[in-house]
Every structure is written in structure tokens, then in C-alpha cells.
N, C-alpha and C. Protein backbone atom coordinates (compact mmCIF):
# COMPACT_ATOMS: atom_id res chain seq x y z
N MET A 1 119.46 112.97 61.63
CA MET A 1 120.11 112.50 62.86
C MET A 1 119.75 111.04 63.10
N LYS A 2 120.55 110.36 63.92
CA LYS A 2 120.34 108.94 64.19
C LYS A 2 119.38 108.76 65.37
N ILE A 3 118.90 107.52 65.50
CA ILE A 3 117.87 107.25 66.51
C ILE A 3 118.38 107.49 67.92
N LYS A 4 119.68 107.28 68.15
CA LYS A 4 120.25 107.51 69.47
C LYS A 4 120.13 108.98 69.87
N GLN A 5 120.36 109.88 68.91
CA GLN A 5 120.22 111.31 69.18
C GLN A 5 118.77 111.67 69.46
N VAL A 6 117.87 111.03 68.71
CA VAL A 6 116.44 111.29 68.91
C VAL A 6 116.00 110.83 70.30
N GLU A 7 116.50 109.68 70.72
CA GLU A 7 116.21 109.18 72.07
C GLU A 7 116.54 110.24 73.12
N GLU A 8 117.73 110.82 72.99
CA GLU A 8 118.20 111.81 73.97
C GLU A 8 117.39 113.09 73.90
N LEU A 9 117.02 113.51 72.70
CA LEU A 9 116.27 114.75 72.53
C LEU A 9 114.84 114.64 73.06
N VAL A 10 114.20 113.50 72.77
CA VAL A 10 112.77 113.35 73.08
C VAL A 10 112.54 112.73 74.45
N GLY A 11 113.47 111.85 74.87
CA GLY A 11 113.30 111.22 76.17
C GLY A 11 112.48 109.95 76.15
N ILE A 12 112.42 109.28 74.98
CA ILE A 12 111.76 107.98 74.90
C ILE A 12 112.72 106.99 74.26
N THR A 13 112.46 105.71 74.46
CA THR A 13 113.41 104.69 74.04
C THR A 13 113.32 104.37 72.55
N LYS A 14 114.39 103.76 72.06
CA LYS A 14 114.42 103.31 70.67
C LYS A 14 113.26 102.35 70.39
N LYS A 15 112.99 101.48 71.36
CA LYS A 15 111.91 100.50 71.20
C LYS A 15 110.57 101.20 71.01
N ASN A 16 110.33 102.25 71.79
CA ASN A 16 109.08 103.01 71.65
C ASN A 16 109.00 103.72 70.31
N ILE A 17 110.12 104.30 69.89
CA ILE A 17 110.15 105.03 68.61
C ILE A 17 109.79 104.09 67.47
N ARG A 18 110.41 102.90 67.46
CA ARG A 18 110.12 101.91 66.41
C ARG A 18 108.67 101.47 66.48
N PHE A 19 108.16 101.35 67.71
CA PHE A 19 106.76 100.94 67.87
C PHE A 19 105.83 101.98 67.26
N TYR A 20 106.10 103.26 67.50
CA TYR A 20 105.26 104.31 66.94
C TYR A 20 105.32 104.31 65.41
N GLU A 21 106.49 103.98 64.86
CA GLU A 21 106.60 103.84 63.41
C GLU A 21 105.71 102.71 62.92
N ASP A 22 105.77 101.57 63.61
CA ASP A 22 104.96 100.42 63.23
C ASP A 22 103.47 100.72 63.30
N GLN A 23 103.09 101.61 64.23
CA GLN A 23 101.69 101.97 64.40
C GLN A 23 101.22 103.04 63.43
N GLY A 24 102.12 103.51 62.58
CA GLY A 24 101.75 104.50 61.58
C GLY A 24 101.68 105.92 62.09
N LEU A 25 102.24 106.18 63.27
CA LEU A 25 102.23 107.53 63.82
C LEU A 25 103.42 108.35 63.34
N LEU A 26 104.40 107.68 62.76
CA LEU A 26 105.64 108.34 62.37
C LEU A 26 106.15 107.71 61.08
N GLU A 27 106.47 108.55 60.11
CA GLU A 27 107.05 108.07 58.84
C GLU A 27 108.43 108.68 58.70
N VAL A 28 109.44 107.84 58.84
CA VAL A 28 110.82 108.31 58.82
C VAL A 28 111.46 108.05 57.47
N LYS A 29 112.12 109.06 56.93
CA LYS A 29 112.81 108.90 55.65
C LYS A 29 114.07 108.06 55.85
N ARG A 30 114.50 107.45 54.77
CA ARG A 30 115.71 106.64 54.81
C ARG A 30 116.79 107.26 53.93
N ALA A 31 118.02 107.16 54.42
CA ALA A 31 119.16 107.67 53.65
C ALA A 31 119.47 106.70 52.50
N ASP A 32 120.42 107.08 51.66
CA ASP A 32 120.79 106.24 50.52
C ASP A 32 121.29 104.86 50.96
N ASN A 33 121.87 104.79 52.14
CA ASN A 33 122.39 103.51 52.63
C ASN A 33 121.30 102.64 53.29
N GLY A 34 120.06 103.15 53.29
CA GLY A 34 118.95 102.37 53.84
C GLY A 34 118.65 102.62 55.29
N TYR A 35 119.52 103.36 55.97
CA TYR A 35 119.31 103.63 57.40
C TYR A 35 118.30 104.76 57.58
N ARG A 36 117.57 104.70 58.69
CA ARG A 36 116.60 105.76 58.99
C ARG A 36 117.35 107.06 59.28
N GLU A 37 116.81 108.14 58.77
CA GLU A 37 117.40 109.46 59.00
C GLU A 37 116.30 110.36 59.56
N TYR A 38 116.41 110.68 60.85
CA TYR A 38 115.38 111.46 61.53
C TYR A 38 115.64 112.96 61.38
N GLY A 39 114.56 113.71 61.16
CA GLY A 39 114.68 115.15 61.03
C GLY A 39 113.98 115.86 62.17
N LEU A 40 113.99 117.19 62.12
CA LEU A 40 113.36 117.99 63.18
C LEU A 40 111.85 117.75 63.25
N GLU A 41 111.23 117.50 62.08
CA GLU A 41 109.79 117.23 62.07
C GLU A 41 109.48 115.92 62.80
N ASP A 42 110.37 114.94 62.66
CA ASP A 42 110.18 113.67 63.37
C ASP A 42 110.31 113.88 64.87
N VAL A 43 111.27 114.70 65.27
CA VAL A 43 111.45 115.00 66.70
C VAL A 43 110.20 115.69 67.24
N LYS A 44 109.69 116.66 66.48
CA LYS A 44 108.47 117.38 66.89
C LYS A 44 107.30 116.40 67.04
N ARG A 45 107.15 115.50 66.07
CA ARG A 45 106.06 114.53 66.12
C ARG A 45 106.19 113.62 67.34
N LEU A 46 107.40 113.17 67.62
CA LEU A 46 107.62 112.29 68.77
C LEU A 46 107.37 113.02 70.09
N GLN A 47 107.70 114.30 70.15
CA GLN A 47 107.40 115.08 71.35
C GLN A 47 105.89 115.19 71.56
N GLU A 48 105.17 115.37 70.45
CA GLU A 48 103.71 115.42 70.52
C GLU A 48 103.15 114.07 71.00
N ILE A 49 103.69 112.99 70.44
CA ILE A 49 103.23 111.65 70.82
C ILE A 49 103.49 111.40 72.30
N ARG A 50 104.68 111.79 72.75
CA ARG A 50 105.01 111.59 74.17
C ARG A 50 104.04 112.35 75.06
N LEU A 51 103.74 113.59 74.70
CA LEU A 51 102.80 114.40 75.47
C LEU A 51 101.42 113.75 75.51
N LEU A 52 100.94 113.34 74.33
CA LEU A 52 99.60 112.76 74.25
C LEU A 52 99.50 111.43 75.00
N ARG A 53 100.57 110.63 74.94
CA ARG A 53 100.54 109.36 75.66
C ARG A 53 100.57 109.58 77.17
N LYS A 54 101.29 110.64 77.61
CA LYS A 54 101.29 110.96 79.04
C LYS A 54 99.90 111.39 79.51
N LEU A 55 99.10 111.89 78.57
CA LEU A 55 97.71 112.25 78.88
C LEU A 55 96.78 111.06 78.67
N ALA A 56 97.38 109.89 78.38
CA ALA A 56 96.64 108.63 78.19
C ALA A 56 95.74 108.65 76.96
N ILE A 57 96.11 109.45 75.95
CA ILE A 57 95.37 109.44 74.69
C ILE A 57 95.68 108.12 73.99
N PRO A 58 94.67 107.34 73.60
CA PRO A 58 94.92 106.05 72.95
C PRO A 58 95.66 106.19 71.62
N ILE A 59 96.40 105.15 71.27
CA ILE A 59 97.14 105.11 70.01
C ILE A 59 96.21 105.31 68.82
N GLU A 60 95.07 104.62 68.84
CA GLU A 60 94.14 104.71 67.72
C GLU A 60 93.62 106.13 67.55
N ASP A 61 93.35 106.83 68.65
CA ASP A 61 92.90 108.22 68.57
C ASP A 61 93.97 109.11 67.95
N MET A 62 95.23 108.87 68.34
CA MET A 62 96.32 109.67 67.76
C MET A 62 96.46 109.40 66.27
N ARG A 63 96.29 108.13 65.89
CA ARG A 63 96.37 107.79 64.48
C ARG A 63 95.29 108.53 63.68
N GLN A 64 94.10 108.61 64.26
CA GLN A 64 93.01 109.32 63.59
C GLN A 64 93.24 110.82 63.58
N MET A 65 93.86 111.34 64.64
CA MET A 65 94.19 112.77 64.66
C MET A 65 95.15 113.12 63.54
N TYR A 66 96.23 112.33 63.44
CA TYR A 66 97.23 112.62 62.40
C TYR A 66 96.70 112.31 61.01
N GLY A 67 95.63 111.51 60.95
CA GLY A 67 95.01 111.23 59.66
C GLY A 67 93.93 112.22 59.31
N GLY A 68 93.68 113.19 60.21
CA GLY A 68 92.68 114.22 59.95
C GLY A 68 91.26 113.79 60.24
N GLU A 69 91.07 112.62 60.87
CA GLU A 69 89.73 112.13 61.15
C GLU A 69 89.18 112.65 62.48
N LYS A 70 90.08 113.04 63.38
CA LYS A 70 89.67 113.58 64.67
C LYS A 70 90.48 114.82 64.97
N SER A 71 89.93 115.66 65.85
CA SER A 71 90.67 116.85 66.28
C SER A 71 91.26 116.61 67.67
N LEU A 72 92.25 117.41 68.01
CA LEU A 72 92.84 117.32 69.35
C LEU A 72 91.79 117.63 70.40
N ARG A 73 90.95 118.61 70.10
CA ARG A 73 89.91 119.01 71.06
C ARG A 73 88.97 117.85 71.38
N SER A 74 88.51 117.15 70.36
CA SER A 74 87.57 116.05 70.60
C SER A 74 88.21 114.94 71.42
N CYS A 75 89.49 114.68 71.17
CA CYS A 75 90.20 113.64 71.93
C CYS A 75 90.37 114.05 73.39
N LEU A 76 90.69 115.33 73.61
CA LEU A 76 90.86 115.81 74.98
C LEU A 76 89.52 115.81 75.73
N GLU A 77 88.45 116.17 75.03
CA GLU A 77 87.13 116.16 75.66
C GLU A 77 86.73 114.73 76.06
N PHE A 78 87.03 113.78 75.18
CA PHE A 78 86.74 112.38 75.49
C PHE A 78 87.57 111.93 76.69
N GLN A 79 88.83 112.35 76.72
CA GLN A 79 89.72 111.96 77.82
C GLN A 79 89.25 112.55 79.14
N MET A 80 88.74 113.78 79.09
CA MET A 80 88.19 114.40 80.30
C MET A 80 87.01 113.58 80.83
N GLY A 81 86.18 113.10 79.91
CA GLY A 81 85.06 112.26 80.31
C GLY A 81 85.52 110.96 80.96
N GLU A 82 86.59 110.38 80.39
CA GLU A 82 87.16 109.16 80.96
C GLU A 82 87.68 109.41 82.37
N MET A 83 88.33 110.55 82.56
CA MET A 83 88.87 110.87 83.88
C MET A 83 87.76 111.08 84.90
N GLU A 84 86.65 111.66 84.46
CA GLU A 84 85.50 111.83 85.35
C GLU A 84 84.96 110.47 85.78
N ARG A 85 84.92 109.53 84.82
CA ARG A 85 84.44 108.19 85.15
C ARG A 85 85.40 107.50 86.13
N GLN A 86 86.69 107.73 85.93
CA GLN A 86 87.68 107.15 86.84
C GLN A 86 87.55 107.74 88.25
N LYS A 87 87.31 109.06 88.30
CA LYS A 87 87.13 109.72 89.61
C LYS A 87 85.91 109.15 90.33
N LYS A 88 84.84 108.96 89.58
CA LYS A 88 83.63 108.39 90.16
C LYS A 88 83.91 106.98 90.67
N ASN A 89 84.67 106.23 89.88
CA ASN A 89 85.01 104.86 90.25
C ASN A 89 85.82 104.83 91.56
N LEU A 90 86.80 105.74 91.65
CA LEU A 90 87.62 105.82 92.86
C LEU A 90 86.80 106.22 94.08
N ARG A 91 85.85 107.13 93.87
CA ARG A 91 84.99 107.55 94.99
C ARG A 91 84.16 106.37 95.51
N GLN A 92 83.70 105.53 94.57
CA GLN A 92 82.90 104.37 94.97
C GLN A 92 83.75 103.35 95.74
N ILE A 93 84.98 103.16 95.29
CA ILE A 93 85.88 102.24 96.00
C ILE A 93 86.22 102.80 97.37
N GLN A 94 86.44 104.13 97.42
CA GLN A 94 86.73 104.79 98.70
C GLN A 94 85.55 104.62 99.66
N ALA A 95 84.34 104.78 99.15
CA ALA A 95 83.15 104.63 99.99
C ALA A 95 83.04 103.20 100.53
N PHE A 96 83.42 102.24 99.70
CA PHE A 96 83.39 100.84 100.13
C PHE A 96 84.38 100.60 101.27
N CYS A 97 85.59 101.17 101.12
CA CYS A 97 86.61 101.05 102.17
C CYS A 97 86.16 101.73 103.46
N GLU A 98 85.54 102.91 103.32
CA GLU A 98 85.06 103.64 104.50
C GLU A 98 83.98 102.84 105.22
N GLU A 99 83.15 102.16 104.45
CA GLU A 99 82.09 101.34 105.04
C GLU A 99 82.70 100.22 105.90
N LEU A 100 83.77 99.62 105.41
CA LEU A 100 84.45 98.58 106.17
C LEU A 100 85.10 99.16 107.43
N LEU A 101 85.69 100.35 107.29
CA LEU A 101 86.32 101.00 108.44
C LEU A 101 85.30 101.34 109.51
N ASN A 102 84.16 101.88 109.08
CA ASN A 102 83.12 102.29 110.03
C ASN A 102 82.49 101.09 110.74
N ALA A 103 82.56 99.93 110.09
CA ALA A 103 82.01 98.72 110.72
C ALA A 103 82.93 98.21 111.83
N ASP A 104 84.14 98.77 111.90
CA ASP A 104 85.11 98.42 112.95
C ASP A 104 85.32 96.90 113.03
N ILE A 105 85.60 96.31 111.87
CA ILE A 105 85.80 94.86 111.82
C ILE A 105 87.29 94.54 111.79
N SER A 106 87.60 93.32 112.16
CA SER A 106 88.98 92.83 112.11
C SER A 106 89.06 91.72 111.06
N LEU A 107 90.25 91.22 110.84
CA LEU A 107 90.41 90.14 109.87
C LEU A 107 89.61 88.91 110.30
N GLU A 108 89.53 88.71 111.63
CA GLU A 108 88.81 87.54 112.15
C GLU A 108 87.30 87.66 111.94
N THR A 109 86.77 88.89 111.98
CA THR A 109 85.32 89.08 111.85
C THR A 109 84.91 89.49 110.44
N LEU A 110 85.88 89.60 109.54
CA LEU A 110 85.58 90.01 108.16
C LEU A 110 84.77 88.94 107.45
N ASN A 111 83.64 89.34 106.89
CA ASN A 111 82.79 88.41 106.13
C ASN A 111 83.12 88.59 104.65
N ALA A 112 84.15 87.88 104.20
CA ALA A 112 84.62 88.04 102.82
C ALA A 112 83.56 87.69 101.78
N PRO A 113 82.83 86.56 101.91
CA PRO A 113 81.80 86.25 100.90
C PRO A 113 80.77 87.35 100.75
N GLN A 114 80.33 87.92 101.87
CA GLN A 114 79.34 89.01 101.82
C GLN A 114 79.92 90.23 101.11
N CYS A 115 81.18 90.56 101.43
CA CYS A 115 81.83 91.72 100.80
C CYS A 115 82.00 91.50 99.30
N LEU A 116 82.37 90.27 98.92
CA LEU A 116 82.55 89.97 97.50
C LEU A 116 81.23 90.07 96.74
N GLU A 117 80.14 89.65 97.38
CA GLU A 117 78.83 89.78 96.76
C GLU A 117 78.49 91.25 96.53
N GLN A 118 78.80 92.06 97.54
CA GLN A 118 78.55 93.50 97.41
C GLN A 118 79.41 94.10 96.30
N MET A 119 80.67 93.64 96.21
CA MET A 119 81.56 94.11 95.14
C MET A 119 81.00 93.74 93.76
N GLU A 120 80.50 92.52 93.65
CA GLU A 120 79.94 92.07 92.37
C GLU A 120 78.75 92.93 91.96
N ARG A 121 77.92 93.30 92.94
CA ARG A 121 76.78 94.18 92.63
C ARG A 121 77.28 95.53 92.13
N LEU A 122 78.30 96.07 92.81
CA LEU A 122 78.86 97.36 92.40
C LEU A 122 79.50 97.26 91.01
N GLU A 123 80.15 96.14 90.73
CA GLU A 123 80.78 95.96 89.41
C GLU A 123 79.73 95.93 88.31
N LYS A 124 78.59 95.32 88.60
CA LYS A 124 77.50 95.30 87.61
C LYS A 124 76.96 96.70 87.36
N GLU A 125 77.10 97.57 88.37
CA GLU A 125 76.65 98.95 88.22
C GLU A 125 77.71 99.85 87.60
N GLY A 126 78.90 99.27 87.36
CA GLY A 126 79.94 100.04 86.67
C GLY A 126 81.22 100.30 87.43
N THR A 127 81.28 99.92 88.71
CA THR A 127 82.51 100.12 89.48
C THR A 127 83.56 99.10 89.05
N ASN A 128 84.80 99.54 88.90
CA ASN A 128 85.89 98.65 88.51
C ASN A 128 86.88 98.52 89.66
N PHE A 129 86.88 97.36 90.29
CA PHE A 129 87.89 97.08 91.31
C PHE A 129 89.14 96.52 90.62
N MET A 130 90.21 96.32 91.37
CA MET A 130 91.45 95.85 90.78
C MET A 130 91.26 94.49 90.12
N ASP A 131 91.82 94.36 88.91
CA ASP A 131 91.76 93.09 88.19
C ASP A 131 92.89 92.20 88.70
N ILE A 132 92.56 91.31 89.66
CA ILE A 132 93.61 90.49 90.27
C ILE A 132 94.19 89.49 89.29
N ARG A 133 93.42 89.11 88.27
CA ARG A 133 93.95 88.15 87.30
C ARG A 133 95.13 88.75 86.56
N LYS A 134 94.97 90.00 86.15
CA LYS A 134 96.05 90.66 85.41
C LYS A 134 97.22 91.01 86.34
N THR A 135 96.91 91.62 87.48
CA THR A 135 97.97 92.08 88.39
C THR A 135 98.79 90.93 88.93
N ASP A 136 98.12 89.89 89.40
CA ASP A 136 98.84 88.77 90.01
C ASP A 136 99.59 87.94 88.97
N VAL A 137 99.02 87.83 87.77
CA VAL A 137 99.72 87.11 86.70
C VAL A 137 100.99 87.86 86.31
N HIS A 138 100.92 89.20 86.29
CA HIS A 138 102.12 89.99 85.98
C HIS A 138 103.22 89.72 86.99
N LYS A 139 102.84 89.66 88.28
CA LYS A 139 103.84 89.38 89.32
C LYS A 139 104.45 88.00 89.12
N LYS A 140 103.61 87.04 88.74
CA LYS A 140 104.10 85.68 88.51
C LYS A 140 105.07 85.65 87.34
N LYS A 141 104.76 86.41 86.29
CA LYS A 141 105.64 86.46 85.12
C LYS A 141 106.99 87.07 85.49
N ILE A 142 106.95 88.13 86.31
CA ILE A 142 108.20 88.78 86.73
C ILE A 142 109.04 87.81 87.55
N MET A 143 108.40 87.09 88.46
CA MET A 143 109.13 86.12 89.27
C MET A 143 109.72 85.01 88.41
N GLY A 144 108.96 84.58 87.40
CA GLY A 144 109.45 83.55 86.50
C GLY A 144 110.65 84.01 85.70
N ALA A 145 110.58 85.26 85.21
CA ALA A 145 111.70 85.81 84.44
C ALA A 145 112.94 85.96 85.32
N ALA A 146 112.73 86.41 86.57
CA ALA A 146 113.86 86.59 87.49
C ALA A 146 114.48 85.24 87.86
N LEU A 147 113.63 84.24 88.08
CA LEU A 147 114.13 82.91 88.46
C LEU A 147 114.93 82.28 87.32
N GLY A 148 114.35 82.34 86.10
CA GLY A 148 115.04 81.76 84.95
C GLY A 148 116.37 82.45 84.68
N GLY A 149 116.36 83.78 84.73
CA GLY A 149 117.59 84.53 84.51
C GLY A 149 118.60 84.29 85.62
N GLY A 150 118.11 84.21 86.86
CA GLY A 150 119.01 83.98 87.99
C GLY A 150 119.73 82.65 87.91
N ILE A 151 119.01 81.62 87.48
CA ILE A 151 119.62 80.29 87.34
C ILE A 151 120.74 80.33 86.30
N MET A 152 120.46 81.00 85.17
CA MET A 152 121.47 81.10 84.12
C MET A 152 122.70 81.88 84.59
N ILE A 153 122.46 82.97 85.33
CA ILE A 153 123.58 83.78 85.84
C ILE A 153 124.44 82.97 86.80
N VAL A 154 123.79 82.24 87.70
CA VAL A 154 124.54 81.40 88.66
C VAL A 154 125.36 80.35 87.92
N PHE A 155 124.76 79.74 86.91
CA PHE A 155 125.46 78.71 86.13
C PHE A 155 126.68 79.29 85.42
N MET A 156 126.51 80.46 84.80
CA MET A 156 127.62 81.09 84.09
C MET A 156 128.71 81.55 85.06
N ALA A 157 128.29 82.07 86.23
CA ALA A 157 129.27 82.50 87.23
C ALA A 157 130.08 81.30 87.73
N ALA A 158 129.39 80.16 87.92
CA ALA A 158 130.10 78.95 88.34
C ALA A 158 131.09 78.50 87.27
N MET A 159 130.69 78.65 86.01
CA MET A 159 131.57 78.29 84.91
C MET A 159 132.82 79.17 84.90
N ILE A 160 132.62 80.47 85.15
CA ILE A 160 133.77 81.38 85.23
C ILE A 160 134.70 80.96 86.36
N GLY A 161 134.11 80.65 87.52
CA GLY A 161 134.92 80.21 88.65
C GLY A 161 135.70 78.95 88.34
N PHE A 162 135.06 78.01 87.65
CA PHE A 162 135.72 76.76 87.28
C PHE A 162 136.87 77.04 86.31
N MET A 163 136.65 77.96 85.36
CA MET A 163 137.70 78.29 84.40
C MET A 163 138.90 78.94 85.09
N VAL A 164 138.61 79.87 86.01
CA VAL A 164 139.69 80.53 86.74
C VAL A 164 140.49 79.51 87.53
N TRP A 165 139.78 78.61 88.20
CA TRP A 165 140.46 77.55 88.97
C TRP A 165 141.32 76.68 88.06
N GLY A 166 140.77 76.34 86.88
CA GLY A 166 141.52 75.51 85.94
C GLY A 166 142.77 76.21 85.44
N CYS A 167 142.65 77.51 85.19
CA CYS A 167 143.81 78.27 84.70
C CYS A 167 144.88 78.40 85.79
N MET A 168 144.45 78.44 87.04
CA MET A 168 145.42 78.52 88.13
C MET A 168 146.15 77.18 88.30
N GLU A 169 145.43 76.09 88.09
CA GLU A 169 146.04 74.77 88.20
C GLU A 169 146.95 74.46 87.02
N ASP A 170 146.51 74.88 85.84
CA ASP A 170 147.27 74.62 84.61
C ASP A 170 147.33 75.93 83.83
N PRO A 171 148.29 76.79 84.14
CA PRO A 171 148.35 78.13 83.55
C PRO A 171 148.29 78.13 82.02
N VAL A 172 147.53 79.10 81.50
CA VAL A 172 147.43 79.30 80.05
C VAL A 172 147.73 80.77 79.78
N PRO A 173 148.02 81.14 78.53
CA PRO A 173 148.26 82.56 78.20
C PRO A 173 147.08 83.42 78.65
N ILE A 174 147.40 84.62 79.12
CA ILE A 174 146.37 85.52 79.65
C ILE A 174 145.28 85.82 78.63
N GLY A 175 145.69 85.93 77.36
CA GLY A 175 144.71 86.21 76.31
C GLY A 175 143.69 85.09 76.17
N VAL A 176 144.18 83.85 76.24
CA VAL A 176 143.28 82.69 76.15
C VAL A 176 142.33 82.66 77.34
N MET A 177 142.87 82.94 78.53
CA MET A 177 142.04 82.93 79.74
C MET A 177 140.94 84.00 79.66
N LEU A 178 141.32 85.20 79.22
CA LEU A 178 140.32 86.27 79.10
C LEU A 178 139.25 85.93 78.09
N PHE A 179 139.66 85.28 77.00
CA PHE A 179 138.69 84.88 75.97
C PHE A 179 137.72 83.86 76.54
N MET A 180 138.25 82.88 77.26
CA MET A 180 137.41 81.83 77.84
C MET A 180 136.43 82.40 78.86
N ILE A 181 136.92 83.34 79.69
CA ILE A 181 136.05 83.95 80.70
C ILE A 181 135.06 84.92 80.06
N GLY A 182 135.49 85.56 78.97
CA GLY A 182 134.65 86.57 78.33
C GLY A 182 133.35 86.03 77.79
N ILE A 183 133.35 84.75 77.34
CA ILE A 183 132.13 84.18 76.77
C ILE A 183 131.01 84.07 77.82
N PRO A 184 131.24 83.40 78.95
CA PRO A 184 130.15 83.36 79.96
C PRO A 184 129.84 84.73 80.55
N ALA A 185 130.86 85.61 80.63
CA ALA A 185 130.61 86.97 81.15
C ALA A 185 129.66 87.72 80.22
N ALA A 186 129.86 87.54 78.90
CA ALA A 186 128.98 88.18 77.92
C ALA A 186 127.56 87.62 78.03
N VAL A 187 127.47 86.32 78.28
CA VAL A 187 126.15 85.70 78.46
C VAL A 187 125.44 86.29 79.68
N ILE A 188 126.18 86.49 80.77
CA ILE A 188 125.60 87.07 81.99
C ILE A 188 125.06 88.47 81.71
N ILE A 189 125.86 89.28 81.01
CA ILE A 189 125.42 90.64 80.68
C ILE A 189 124.17 90.60 79.81
N GLY A 190 124.16 89.69 78.83
CA GLY A 190 123.00 89.56 77.96
C GLY A 190 121.75 89.13 78.71
N VAL A 191 121.91 88.20 79.64
CA VAL A 191 120.78 87.72 80.43
C VAL A 191 120.22 88.84 81.30
N ILE A 192 121.11 89.62 81.93
CA ILE A 192 120.66 90.73 82.77
C ILE A 192 119.89 91.76 81.94
N ALA A 193 120.42 92.08 80.75
CA ALA A 193 119.74 93.04 79.87
C ALA A 193 118.38 92.51 79.44
N ALA A 194 118.32 91.22 79.12
CA ALA A 194 117.05 90.62 78.71
C ALA A 194 116.05 90.61 79.86
N MET A 195 116.53 90.35 81.08
CA MET A 195 115.65 90.35 82.25
C MET A 195 115.06 91.74 82.49
N ILE A 196 115.91 92.76 82.39
CA ILE A 196 115.43 94.13 82.59
C ILE A 196 114.38 94.48 81.55
N GLY A 197 114.65 94.13 80.29
CA GLY A 197 113.69 94.41 79.22
C GLY A 197 112.38 93.67 79.42
N ARG A 198 112.48 92.41 79.85
CA ARG A 198 111.27 91.61 80.06
C ARG A 198 110.42 92.17 81.20
N VAL A 199 111.06 92.56 82.29
CA VAL A 199 110.33 93.12 83.43
C VAL A 199 109.63 94.41 83.03
N ARG A 200 110.33 95.26 82.28
CA ARG A 200 109.72 96.52 81.82
C ARG A 200 108.51 96.24 80.94
N GLU A 201 108.64 95.23 80.08
CA GLU A 201 107.54 94.88 79.18
C GLU A 201 106.35 94.36 79.96
N ILE A 202 106.60 93.49 80.94
CA ILE A 202 105.52 92.93 81.76
C ILE A 202 104.82 94.02 82.56
N GLU A 203 105.60 94.96 83.08
CA GLU A 203 105.02 96.01 83.93
C GLU A 203 104.25 97.05 83.13
N GLY A 204 104.22 96.92 81.81
CA GLY A 204 103.39 97.85 81.06
C GLY A 204 104.13 98.65 80.04
N GLY A 205 104.84 97.97 79.17
CA GLY A 205 105.53 98.67 78.09
C GLY A 205 104.53 99.25 77.13
N GLU A 206 104.99 100.04 76.21
CA GLU A 206 104.11 100.70 75.25
C GLU A 206 103.31 99.70 74.44
N GLU A 207 103.90 98.52 74.15
CA GLU A 207 103.18 97.52 73.38
C GLU A 207 101.97 97.02 74.15
N ASP A 208 102.13 96.80 75.46
CA ASP A 208 101.02 96.35 76.28
C ASP A 208 99.94 97.42 76.36
N GLU A 209 100.36 98.67 76.48
CA GLU A 209 99.39 99.76 76.54
C GLU A 209 98.58 99.82 75.25
N ALA A 210 99.25 99.66 74.13
CA ALA A 210 98.58 99.77 72.84
C ALA A 210 97.55 98.68 72.66
N SER A 211 97.77 97.52 73.25
CA SER A 211 96.85 96.40 73.07
C SER A 211 95.48 96.69 73.67
N LYS A 212 95.39 97.71 74.52
CA LYS A 212 94.11 98.07 75.13
C LYS A 212 93.21 98.80 74.13
N TYR A 213 93.81 99.32 73.07
CA TYR A 213 93.04 100.21 72.21
C TYR A 213 92.82 99.58 70.84
């Protein structure tokens, strides 16, 4: 079967499927014409990968599992330990927030330097607060992608408007007009698709997730 059918069966994107191939989690046979030909075993493997990724099993651990170096049980046990650490981390952050609430402070009376010092002490002890460098930079990247794409869309839309106006002033065959308008319209569609893809990638596509492991 073709990759489009596999997408529908498994519920993951073509981009993710190709990524898993690149990571060595999936080996797809090729037909005589050179195109990938997916079988039921590939679908089964991708369903397993999707399940394991939803459980936040790292790519490297899955690679070792399929290579016979690790068992599913050992990976799940490790993941349980990670979740316990995350729960402990959340409890510590919750306790910090409760401490601020119990102090009955306002924005005007908030001693930010003192709180930051306390946070730094907790971080040295293992608590992980939000990484503002990563989170805020992601927002900046999204805004940059939207701004750049928006400018291009406005420019192409203005070009379409100018072409329509020109055709009304000096009529041309309908086929020629549609061809002229079709070029900037295609650019607009391409820019929108690229913007959507870029935003998804910035917000944490599979490639970004894999870079953690």
C-alpha cells in the first residue's frame, strides 16, 4: 500500500513516517519502480511506534527495543520512574505557588528577586521550572513565521487585485486572466501551507522531540 493509505490507517503524518524510517525504526521495502511499498507489518510497527511515543518512550529506547538490546518492560519501568520524578517536580512547584498565595501578596508587594533566589535554590535541588528561553523563543519564531508569511500573502493578494483591475481596463481572454491570477494564488496557497508546517514544527514536531534523546 502507499504512504497515503498508511497515514489514514495509523493516524500519523507522512513526515513522521519518513522520520521514523530515517531513525531506523522502520524498514520499508521498495517496489520494482523504486517507490516504497508498505505492508501490514509496517502498519503494525507504526502503530506500535505511535503508542510508545504517546507514552513518551524516547526514540533511542525504541531503537534499542527493536534491536533486541532492551525489553519493553525495562523501558516502561524507566518511564514510570520518569513520571514519578515529574510528579515530584510538579508538587514542588505547586508548593511554591501555595507559599505565595498564603503570603497574601500582590503584584506591588511581590519581591521578585527574593523569589528568584528561592527558585534557583530549588533548581539546584532538582526542581525544574519552565524554561523561558525555550518557550519564549518558540513564540518569537511563530510570530516571525506569521509576519513573514503574512507580508507575502498581502503582496500576492495586492498583485491579484492589480491584475484584475488591469484586465477590467484592458480586457484579455479569460484563460490568460486565470493563468495570470493563478500564479500569485498558487504562491499564497504555498505560503499558507509552509506557515502551517513551520508552526507545527516550532511547537514540537517529532523532529524536535527526537533531538531531546
